[in-house]
Amino acid sequence: MLQPIDGDWFEFRALGDGLTLITEPHVIPFLRCNIWHIQGRDTDLVVDTGLGVSSLYSASRHLFGQRVAALATHVHLDHVGGHHEFAECWCHRLEAPGLRGADPSFTLADFHLNDVRIDVPGYTTGGPAITALPAPDYDLSAWEIRQATVTRELDEGDVIDLGNRHFEVLHLPGHSPGSIGLWEAKTGTLFSGDAVYDGPLLDQLPHADRAAYARTMERLLTLPVNVVHAGHDPSFGRERLKELVRGYLDAQGRVHGAQVSGP
């Protein structure tokens, strides 16, 4: 039986330059999304919102400026659980229907990893989605992905303007049709969502496309990346990105002749 936590549901780690990593330590690693808060001069951006077991908006209000928008790198349940709490929600146009029309019938009380059909080394199957409850009276059966209001549909090349920081939207399909990344050319920073992260990459989920995923990987090899802040697992640099990309392409039998730009 799950026990209530003694403390806060979320953990906050300030990384400098207005960036905070927010995590849910009592969510299993398979579903533990990295939630990124980027402080802007005019607008704050929350990149993905986690599982929605506890209120992200309430826990994070101390970080927010006058305007805040929640962006979904894609609409898998572990990335959009808190989007309904935000007045402004942004995602790729191909993911927008899933965010607007989230299925409320799916519950965490019924979720077990052995019900998810994946065959990727590195993920343990079986067991509940969370390891503790956020409060003694929390009703796990009442959890649901709630519909959100999409106020901006994004596409390749769109610019996210926070006033003092500007990110280009990169369409990075494969993990899902409308997966996106945010690219800040000035600093060589990529927020990659689940297009790439330092763990087993999933291309067997519904709506995944291995051919599109391989093309996305080939594109990532061309970016002059300094740091990748991903949807899961720790951040990493250019050399690790190259290893992850080439490992995926090798597994797919792809020839990867693209050269990484920059020094």
C-alpha atoms as a PDB file:
ATOM      1  CA  MET A   1       0.000   0.000   0.000  1.00  0.00           C
ATOM      2  CA  LEU A   2       1.341   3.430  -0.939  1.00  0.00           C
ATOM      3  CA  GLN A   3       2.139   5.770   1.927  1.00  0.00           C
ATOM      4  CA  PRO A   4       1.852   9.589   1.957  1.00  0.00           C
ATOM      5  CA  ILE A   5       5.060  11.557   1.604  1.00  0.00           C
ATOM      6  CA  ASP A   6       6.556  13.612   4.410  1.00  0.00           C
ATOM      7  CA  GLY A   7       7.414  16.788   2.529  1.00  0.00           C
ATOM      8  CA  ASP A   8       6.844  18.271  -0.917  1.00  0.00           C
ATOM      9  CA  TRP A   9       5.856  16.342  -4.027  1.00  0.00           C
ATOM     10  CA  PHE A  10       8.163  18.342  -6.315  1.00  0.00           C
ATOM     11  CA  GLU A  11      11.880  18.987  -6.078  1.00  0.00           C
ATOM     12  CA  PHE A  12      13.380  22.219  -7.430  1.00  0.00           C
ATOM     13  CA  ARG A  13      16.973  22.667  -8.551  1.00  0.00           C
ATOM     14  CA  ALA A  14      18.139  26.082  -9.715  1.00  0.00           C
ATOM     15  CA  LEU A  15      20.731  25.700 -12.480  1.00  0.00           C
ATOM     16  CA  GLY A  16      21.542  29.369 -13.044  1.00  0.00           C
ATOM     17  CA  ASP A  17      20.691  31.788 -15.848  1.00  0.00           C
ATOM     18  CA  GLY A  18      17.016  31.687 -14.905  1.00  0.00           C
ATOM     19  CA  LEU A  19      16.685  27.922 -15.402  1.00  0.00           C
ATOM     20  CA  THR A  20      15.124  25.606 -12.826  1.00  0.00           C
ATOM     21  CA  LEU A  21      14.734  21.846 -13.088  1.00  0.00           C
ATOM     22  CA  ILE A  22      11.572  20.542 -11.428  1.00  0.00           C
ATOM     23  CA  THR A  23      11.131  16.814 -10.840  1.00  0.00           C
ATOM     24  CA  GLU A  24       8.710  14.393  -9.172  1.00  0.00           C
ATOM     25  CA  PRO A  25      10.939  12.007  -7.186  1.00  0.00           C
ATOM     26  CA  HIS A  26       8.039   9.718  -6.224  1.00  0.00           C
ATOM     27  CA  VAL A  27       7.135   9.004  -9.845  1.00  0.00           C
ATOM     28  CA  ILE A  28       8.823   5.912 -11.295  1.00  0.00           C
ATOM     29  CA  PRO A  29      11.742   6.702 -13.665  1.00  0.00           C
ATOM     30  CA  PHE A  30       9.814   5.520 -16.730  1.00  0.00           C
ATOM     31  CA  LEU A  31       7.275   8.314 -16.176  1.00  0.00           C
ATOM     32  CA  ARG A  32       9.457  10.850 -14.330  1.00  0.00           C
ATOM     33  CA  CYS A  33       9.523  13.784 -16.720  1.00  0.00           C
ATOM     34  CA  ASN A  34      11.975  16.665 -16.437  1.00  0.00           C
ATOM     35  CA  ILE A  35       9.987  19.866 -16.012  1.00  0.00           C
ATOM     36  CA  TRP A  36      11.940  22.952 -17.054  1.00  0.00           C
ATOM     37  CA  HIS A  37      11.135  26.469 -15.895  1.00  0.00           C
ATOM     38  CA  ILE A  38      12.793  29.200 -17.955  1.00  0.00           C
ATOM     39  CA  GLN A  39      12.538  32.666 -16.475  1.00  0.00           C
ATOM     40  CA  GLY A  40      12.059  35.353 -19.097  1.00  0.00           C
ATOM     41  CA  ARG A  41      11.942  39.118 -18.959  1.00  0.00           C
ATOM     42  CA  ASP A  42       8.421  39.280 -20.386  1.00  0.00           C
ATOM     43  CA  THR A  43       7.229  35.670 -20.247  1.00  0.00           C
ATOM     44  CA  ASP A  44       8.143  32.611 -18.226  1.00  0.00           C
ATOM     45  CA  LEU A  45       8.058  29.256 -19.935  1.00  0.00           C
ATOM     46  CA  VAL A  46       7.348  25.878 -18.353  1.00  0.00           C
ATOM     47  CA  VAL A  47       8.528  23.112 -20.682  1.00  0.00           C
ATOM     48  CA  ASP A  48       6.350  20.046 -19.940  1.00  0.00           C
ATOM     49  CA  THR A  49       4.348  19.683 -16.733  1.00  0.00           C
ATOM     50  CA  GLY A  50       4.844  16.175 -15.418  1.00  0.00           C
ATOM     51  CA  LEU A  51       2.287  13.579 -14.422  1.00  0.00           C
ATOM     52  CA  GLY A  52      -0.261  15.851 -12.746  1.00  0.00           C
ATOM     53  CA  VAL A  53      -0.458  13.916  -9.488  1.00  0.00           C
ATOM     54  CA  SER A  54      -0.031  17.144  -7.500  1.00  0.00           C
ATOM     55  CA  SER A  55      -0.522  20.777  -8.506  1.00  0.00           C
ATOM     56  CA  LEU A  56       2.544  22.002 -10.373  1.00  0.00           C
ATOM     57  CA  TYR A  57       1.160  25.516 -10.690  1.00  0.00           C
ATOM     58  CA  SER A  58       0.617  25.919  -6.944  1.00  0.00           C
ATOM     59  CA  ALA A  59       4.019  24.467  -6.072  1.00  0.00           C
ATOM     60  CA  SER A  60       5.834  26.654  -8.609  1.00  0.00           C
ATOM     61  CA  ARG A  61       4.095  29.998  -8.218  1.00  0.00           C
ATOM     62  CA  HIS A  62       7.104  31.451  -6.429  1.00  0.00           C
ATOM     63  CA  LEU A  63       9.053  31.104  -9.685  1.00  0.00           C
ATOM     64  CA  PHE A  64       6.574  32.739 -12.048  1.00  0.00           C
ATOM     65  CA  GLY A  65       6.608  36.281 -13.371  1.00  0.00           C
ATOM     66  CA  GLN A  66       3.526  38.148 -14.518  1.00  0.00           C
ATOM     67  CA  ARG A  67       2.978  35.890 -17.535  1.00  0.00           C
ATOM     68  CA  VAL A  68       3.664  32.179 -17.795  1.00  0.00           C
ATOM     69  CA  ALA A  69       3.004  29.694 -20.582  1.00  0.00           C
ATOM     70  CA  ALA A  70       3.166  25.896 -20.455  1.00  0.00           C
ATOM     71  CA  LEU A  71       4.695  24.282 -23.527  1.00  0.00           C
ATOM     72  CA  ALA A  72       4.340  20.573 -24.313  1.00  0.00           C
ATOM     73  CA  THR A  73       7.210  18.988 -26.197  1.00  0.00           C
ATOM     74  CA  HIS A  74       4.627  16.267 -26.957  1.00  0.00           C
ATOM     75  CA  VAL A  75       1.439  15.060 -25.305  1.00  0.00           C
ATOM     76  CA  HIS A  76       2.330  11.733 -23.685  1.00  0.00           C
ATOM     77  CA  LEU A  77       0.740  11.502 -20.244  1.00  0.00           C
ATOM     78  CA  ASP A  78       3.985  11.996 -18.291  1.00  0.00           C
ATOM     79  CA  HIS A  79       4.571  15.383 -19.959  1.00  0.00           C
ATOM     80  CA  VAL A  80       1.160  17.088 -19.851  1.00  0.00           C
ATOM     81  CA  GLY A  81      -0.441  16.215 -16.518  1.00  0.00           C
ATOM     82  CA  GLY A  82      -0.326  19.812 -15.286  1.00  0.00           C
ATOM     83  CA  HIS A  83      -1.125  21.708 -18.487  1.00  0.00           C
ATOM     84  CA  HIS A  84      -4.782  22.209 -17.582  1.00  0.00           C
ATOM     85  CA  GLU A  85      -3.673  24.500 -14.732  1.00  0.00           C
ATOM     86  CA  PHE A  86      -2.171  27.081 -17.102  1.00  0.00           C
ATOM     87  CA  ALA A  87      -4.126  29.733 -18.998  1.00  0.00           C
ATOM     88  CA  GLU A  88      -1.633  29.624 -21.863  1.00  0.00           C
ATOM     89  CA  CYS A  89      -0.737  26.228 -23.335  1.00  0.00           C
ATOM     90  CA  TRP A  90       1.462  25.771 -26.405  1.00  0.00           C
ATOM     91  CA  CYS A  91       2.286  22.661 -28.422  1.00  0.00           C
ATOM     92  CA  HIS A  92       2.888  21.522 -31.993  1.00  0.00           C
ATOM     93  CA  ARG A  93      -0.192  21.605 -34.201  1.00  0.00           C
ATOM     94  CA  LEU A  94      -0.069  17.805 -34.626  1.00  0.00           C
ATOM     95  CA  GLU A  95      -0.171  17.312 -30.845  1.00  0.00           C
ATOM     96  CA  ALA A  96      -2.873  19.914 -30.183  1.00  0.00           C
ATOM     97  CA  PRO A  97      -5.858  17.544 -30.609  1.00  0.00           C
ATOM     98  CA  GLY A  98      -4.412  15.225 -27.974  1.00  0.00           C
ATOM     99  CA  LEU A  99      -3.998  18.065 -25.478  1.00  0.00           C
ATOM    100  CA  ARG A 100      -7.459  19.461 -26.127  1.00  0.00           C
ATOM    101  CA  GLY A 101      -9.112  16.063 -26.103  1.00  0.00           C
ATOM    102  CA  ALA A 102      -7.265  14.186 -23.380  1.00  0.00           C
ATOM    103  CA  ASP A 103      -8.870  10.863 -22.459  1.00  0.00           C
ATOM    104  CA  PRO A 104     -10.196  11.153 -18.859  1.00  0.00           C
ATOM    105  CA  SER A 105     -10.964   7.428 -18.626  1.00  0.00           C
ATOM    106  CA  PHE A 106      -7.314   6.421 -18.122  1.00  0.00           C
ATOM    107  CA  THR A 107      -6.374   6.177 -14.429  1.00  0.00           C
ATOM    108  CA  LEU A 108      -3.102   5.655 -12.605  1.00  0.00           C
ATOM    109  CA  ALA A 109      -4.804   3.129 -10.358  1.00  0.00           C
ATOM    110  CA  ASP A 110      -4.987   0.806 -13.380  1.00  0.00           C
ATOM    111  CA  PHE A 111      -1.536   1.625 -14.760  1.00  0.00           C
ATOM    112  CA  HIS A 112       1.252  -0.930 -14.491  1.00  0.00           C
ATOM    113  CA  LEU A 113       4.362  -1.130 -16.607  1.00  0.00           C
ATOM    114  CA  ASN A 114       3.569  -4.703 -17.538  1.00  0.00           C
ATOM    115  CA  ASP A 115       0.512  -3.326 -19.326  1.00  0.00           C
ATOM    116  CA  VAL A 116       2.743  -1.176 -21.550  1.00  0.00           C
ATOM    117  CA  ARG A 117       4.042  -3.188 -24.477  1.00  0.00           C
ATOM    118  CA  ILE A 118       7.654  -2.132 -24.847  1.00  0.00           C
ATOM    119  CA  ASP A 119      10.744  -4.216 -25.416  1.00  0.00           C
ATOM    120  CA  VAL A 120      13.625  -1.893 -24.598  1.00  0.00           C
ATOM    121  CA  PRO A 121      16.534  -2.876 -22.314  1.00  0.00           C
ATOM    122  CA  GLY A 122      16.825  -0.562 -19.329  1.00  0.00           C
ATOM    123  CA  TYR A 123      13.172  -0.359 -18.279  1.00  0.00           C
ATOM    124  CA  THR A 124      11.812  -2.537 -15.499  1.00  0.00           C
ATOM    125  CA  THR A 125       8.266  -3.753 -15.997  1.00  0.00           C
ATOM    126  CA  GLY A 126       5.664  -4.253 -13.305  1.00  0.00           C
ATOM    127  CA  GLY A 127       4.593  -2.098 -10.388  1.00  0.00           C
ATOM    128  CA  PRO A 128       2.625   1.111  -9.848  1.00  0.00           C
ATOM    129  CA  ALA A 129       3.294   4.439 -11.543  1.00  0.00           C
ATOM    130  CA  ILE A 130       4.088   6.232  -8.288  1.00  0.00           C
ATOM    131  CA  THR A 131       5.872   5.117  -5.139  1.00  0.00           C
ATOM    132  CA  ALA A 132       4.054   7.330  -2.630  1.00  0.00           C
ATOM    133  CA  LEU A 133       0.986   9.536  -2.277  1.00  0.00           C
ATOM    134  CA  PRO A 134       1.184  13.357  -2.218  1.00  0.00           C
ATOM    135  CA  ALA A 135      -1.246  13.555   0.728  1.00  0.00           C
ATOM    136  CA  PRO A 136      -2.884  11.128   3.202  1.00  0.00           C
ATOM    137  CA  ASP A 137      -6.323  11.616   1.656  1.00  0.00           C
ATOM    138  CA  TYR A 138      -5.165  11.409  -1.971  1.00  0.00           C
ATOM    139  CA  ASP A 139      -7.469   9.273  -4.113  1.00  0.00           C
ATOM    140  CA  LEU A 140      -5.343   7.622  -6.765  1.00  0.00           C
ATOM    141  CA  SER A 141      -8.417   6.433  -8.644  1.00  0.00           C
ATOM    142  CA  ALA A 142      -9.488  10.060  -9.161  1.00  0.00           C
ATOM    143  CA  TRP A 143      -6.347  10.955 -11.132  1.00  0.00           C
ATOM    144  CA  GLU A 144      -6.908  11.715 -14.802  1.00  0.00           C
ATOM    145  CA  ILE A 145      -5.273  13.569 -17.670  1.00  0.00           C
ATOM    146  CA  ARG A 146      -7.416  16.664 -17.941  1.00  0.00           C
ATOM    147  CA  GLN A 147      -8.120  18.557 -21.122  1.00  0.00           C
ATOM    148  CA  ALA A 148      -6.190  21.795 -21.586  1.00  0.00           C
ATOM    149  CA  THR A 149      -6.884  24.918 -23.613  1.00  0.00           C
ATOM    150  CA  VAL A 150      -4.348  25.189 -26.430  1.00  0.00           C
ATOM    151  CA  THR A 151      -3.735  28.884 -27.019  1.00  0.00           C
ATOM    152  CA  ARG A 152      -0.879  28.566 -29.520  1.00  0.00           C
ATOM    153  CA  GLU A 153      -0.203  25.858 -32.080  1.00  0.00           C
ATOM    154  CA  LEU A 154       3.477  25.705 -32.955  1.00  0.00           C
ATOM    155  CA  ASP A 155       5.294  24.592 -36.076  1.00  0.00           C
ATOM    156  CA  GLU A 156       8.818  24.283 -37.423  1.00  0.00           C
ATOM    157  CA  GLY A 157      10.672  27.590 -37.362  1.00  0.00           C
ATOM    158  CA  ASP A 158       8.352  29.427 -34.983  1.00  0.00           C
ATOM    159  CA  VAL A 159      10.087  31.619 -32.422  1.00  0.00           C
ATOM    160  CA  ILE A 160       9.401  31.529 -28.691  1.00  0.00           C
ATOM    161  CA  ASP A 161      10.160  35.071 -27.516  1.00  0.00           C
ATOM    162  CA  LEU A 162      10.559  35.475 -23.754  1.00  0.00           C
ATOM    163  CA  GLY A 163      11.839  39.032 -24.081  1.00  0.00           C
ATOM    164  CA  ASN A 164      15.460  38.375 -23.189  1.00  0.00           C
ATOM    165  CA  ARG A 165      15.669  34.849 -24.618  1.00  0.00           C
ATOM    166  CA  HIS A 166      14.563  33.479 -27.968  1.00  0.00           C
ATOM    167  CA  PHE A 167      14.066  29.832 -28.903  1.00  0.00           C
ATOM    168  CA  GLU A 168      13.424  28.373 -32.337  1.00  0.00           C
ATOM    169  CA  VAL A 169      10.904  25.548 -32.543  1.00  0.00           C
ATOM    170  CA  LEU A 170      12.373  22.415 -34.133  1.00  0.00           C
ATOM    171  CA  HIS A 171       9.949  19.767 -35.332  1.00  0.00           C
ATOM    172  CA  LEU A 172      11.586  16.498 -34.209  1.00  0.00           C
ATOM    173  CA  PRO A 173       9.124  13.698 -35.052  1.00  0.00           C
ATOM    174  CA  GLY A 174       9.643  10.019 -34.390  1.00  0.00           C
ATOM    175  CA  HIS A 175       8.843   9.514 -30.716  1.00  0.00           C
ATOM    176  CA  SER A 176       5.514  11.127 -31.556  1.00  0.00           C
ATOM    177  CA  PRO A 177       4.267  12.901 -34.707  1.00  0.00           C
ATOM    178  CA  GLY A 178       4.453  16.397 -33.250  1.00  0.00           C
ATOM    179  CA  SER A 179       7.444  16.128 -30.935  1.00  0.00           C
ATOM    180  CA  ILE A 180       9.349  19.401 -30.777  1.00  0.00           C
ATOM    181  CA  GLY A 181      12.555  20.800 -29.366  1.00  0.00           C
ATOM    182  CA  LEU A 182      13.498  24.354 -28.445  1.00  0.00           C
ATOM    183  CA  TRP A 183      16.800  25.595 -29.866  1.00  0.00           C
ATOM    184  CA  GLU A 184      18.632  28.639 -28.551  1.00  0.00           C
ATOM    185  CA  ALA A 185      21.344  29.224 -31.129  1.00  0.00           C
ATOM    186  CA  LYS A 186      23.024  31.984 -29.108  1.00  0.00           C
ATOM    187  CA  THR A 187      23.961  29.605 -26.291  1.00  0.00           C
ATOM    188  CA  GLY A 188      23.852  26.256 -28.111  1.00  0.00           C
ATOM    189  CA  THR A 189      21.097  25.067 -25.778  1.00  0.00           C
ATOM    190  CA  LEU A 190      18.556  22.470 -26.846  1.00  0.00           C
ATOM    191  CA  PHE A 191      15.460  21.490 -24.886  1.00  0.00           C
ATOM    192  CA  SER A 192      14.848  18.185 -26.616  1.00  0.00           C
ATOM    193  CA  GLY A 193      11.783  16.660 -24.973  1.00  0.00           C
ATOM    194  CA  ASP A 194      11.792  12.940 -25.729  1.00  0.00           C
ATOM    195  CA  ALA A 195      13.435  13.285 -29.139  1.00  0.00           C
ATOM    196  CA  VAL A 196      16.675  12.430 -27.382  1.00  0.00           C
ATOM    197  CA  TYR A 197      17.621  11.851 -23.746  1.00  0.00           C
ATOM    198  CA  ASP A 198      20.341   9.901 -21.958  1.00  0.00           C
ATOM    199  CA  GLY A 199      18.386   6.673 -21.591  1.00  0.00           C
ATOM    200  CA  PRO A 200      16.624   3.996 -23.649  1.00  0.00           C
ATOM    201  CA  LEU A 201      14.853   5.788 -26.508  1.00  0.00           C
ATOM    202  CA  LEU A 202      11.319   4.618 -27.219  1.00  0.00           C
ATOM    203  CA  ASP A 203      10.234   4.205 -30.811  1.00  0.00           C
ATOM    204  CA  GLN A 204       7.718   1.407 -30.228  1.00  0.00           C
ATOM    205  CA  LEU A 205       4.903   3.419 -28.672  1.00  0.00           C
ATOM    206  CA  PRO A 206       1.655   4.116 -30.527  1.00  0.00           C
ATOM    207  CA  HIS A 207       2.146   6.764 -33.228  1.00  0.00           C
ATOM    208  CA  ALA A 208       5.948   6.387 -33.137  1.00  0.00           C
ATOM    209  CA  ASP A 209       7.739   6.331 -36.491  1.00  0.00           C
ATOM    210  CA  ARG A 210      11.222   4.824 -36.696  1.00  0.00           C
ATOM    211  CA  ALA A 211      12.019   6.283 -40.119  1.00  0.00           C
ATOM    212  CA  ALA A 212      11.053   9.766 -38.912  1.00  0.00           C
ATOM    213  CA  TYR A 213      13.006   9.190 -35.701  1.00  0.00           C
ATOM    214  CA  ALA A 214      16.142   8.330 -37.701  1.00  0.00           C
ATOM    215  CA  ARG A 215      15.770  11.519 -39.747  1.00  0.00           C
ATOM    216  CA  THR A 216      15.400  13.495 -36.528  1.00  0.00           C
ATOM    217  CA  MET A 217      18.599  11.923 -35.206  1.00  0.00           C
ATOM    218  CA  GLU A 218      20.462  12.787 -38.388  1.00  0.00           C
ATOM    219  CA  ARG A 219      19.277  16.365 -38.003  1.00  0.00           C
ATOM    220  CA  LEU A 220      20.471  16.520 -34.396  1.00  0.00           C
ATOM    221  CA  LEU A 221      23.966  15.604 -35.558  1.00  0.00           C
ATOM    222  CA  THR A 222      24.098  18.892 -37.468  1.00  0.00           C
ATOM    223  CA  LEU A 223      23.284  21.122 -34.499  1.00  0.00           C
ATOM    224  CA  PRO A 224      26.204  22.918 -32.801  1.00  0.00           C
ATOM    225  CA  VAL A 225      24.948  21.858 -29.388  1.00  0.00           C
ATOM    226  CA  ASN A 226      26.629  22.833 -26.136  1.00  0.00           C
ATOM    227  CA  VAL A 227      24.044  21.362 -23.754  1.00  0.00           C
ATOM    228  CA  VAL A 228      20.889  19.275 -24.084  1.00  0.00           C
ATOM    229  CA  HIS A 229      18.170  19.601 -21.452  1.00  0.00           C
ATOM    230  CA  ALA A 230      16.035  16.559 -22.191  1.00  0.00           C
ATOM    231  CA  GLY A 231      12.627  15.253 -21.204  1.00  0.00           C
ATOM    232  CA  HIS A 232      14.129  12.569 -18.957  1.00  0.00           C
ATOM    233  CA  ASP A 233      17.428  11.801 -17.247  1.00  0.00           C
ATOM    234  CA  PRO A 234      20.377  14.195 -16.710  1.00  0.00           C
ATOM    235  CA  SER A 235      21.432  16.930 -19.109  1.00  0.00           C
ATOM    236  CA  PHE A 236      24.434  16.272 -21.330  1.00  0.00           C
ATOM    237  CA  GLY A 237      26.785  17.877 -23.825  1.00  0.00           C
ATOM    238  CA  ARG A 238      27.740  17.596 -27.477  1.00  0.00           C
ATOM    239  CA  GLU A 239      29.897  14.487 -27.293  1.00  0.00           C
ATOM    240  CA  ARG A 240      27.245  12.537 -25.439  1.00  0.00           C
ATOM    241  CA  LEU A 241      24.632  13.695 -27.951  1.00  0.00           C
ATOM    242  CA  LYS A 242      26.770  12.332 -30.773  1.00  0.00           C
ATOM    243  CA  GLU A 243      27.123   8.993 -28.965  1.00  0.00           C
ATOM    244  CA  LEU A 244      23.383   8.695 -28.358  1.00  0.00           C
ATOM    245  CA  VAL A 245      22.465   9.669 -31.910  1.00  0.00           C
ATOM    246  CA  ARG A 246      25.003   7.377 -33.532  1.00  0.00           C
ATOM    247  CA  GLY A 247      24.002   4.543 -31.238  1.00  0.00           C
ATOM    248  CA  TYR A 248      20.395   4.885 -32.321  1.00  0.00           C
ATOM    249  CA  LEU A 249      21.281   5.126 -35.996  1.00  0.00           C
ATOM    250  CA  ASP A 250      23.586   2.125 -35.759  1.00  0.00           C
ATOM    251  CA  ALA A 251      20.774   0.129 -34.175  1.00  0.00           C
ATOM    252  CA  GLN A 252      18.543   1.080 -37.091  1.00  0.00           C
ATOM    253  CA  GLY A 253      21.213   0.201 -39.638  1.00  0.00           C
ATOM    254  CA  ARG A 254      21.428   3.793 -40.839  1.00  0.00           C
ATOM    255  CA  VAL A 255      24.517   5.408 -42.361  1.00  0.00           C
ATOM    256  CA  HIS A 256      25.221   8.627 -40.462  1.00  0.00           C
ATOM    257  CA  GLY A 257      27.595  10.754 -42.451  1.00  0.00           C
ATOM    258  CA  ALA A 258      26.461  14.116 -41.119  1.00  0.00           C
ATOM    259  CA  GLN A 259      29.145  16.155 -39.406  1.00  0.00           C
ATOM    260  CA  VAL A 260      28.549  18.066 -36.211  1.00  0.00           C
ATOM    261  CA  SER A 261      28.912  21.802 -36.784  1.00  0.00           C
ATOM    262  CA  GLY A 262      31.158  24.010 -34.699  1.00  0.00           C
ATOM    263  CA  PRO A 263      34.481  23.335 -33.013  1.00  0.00           C
END
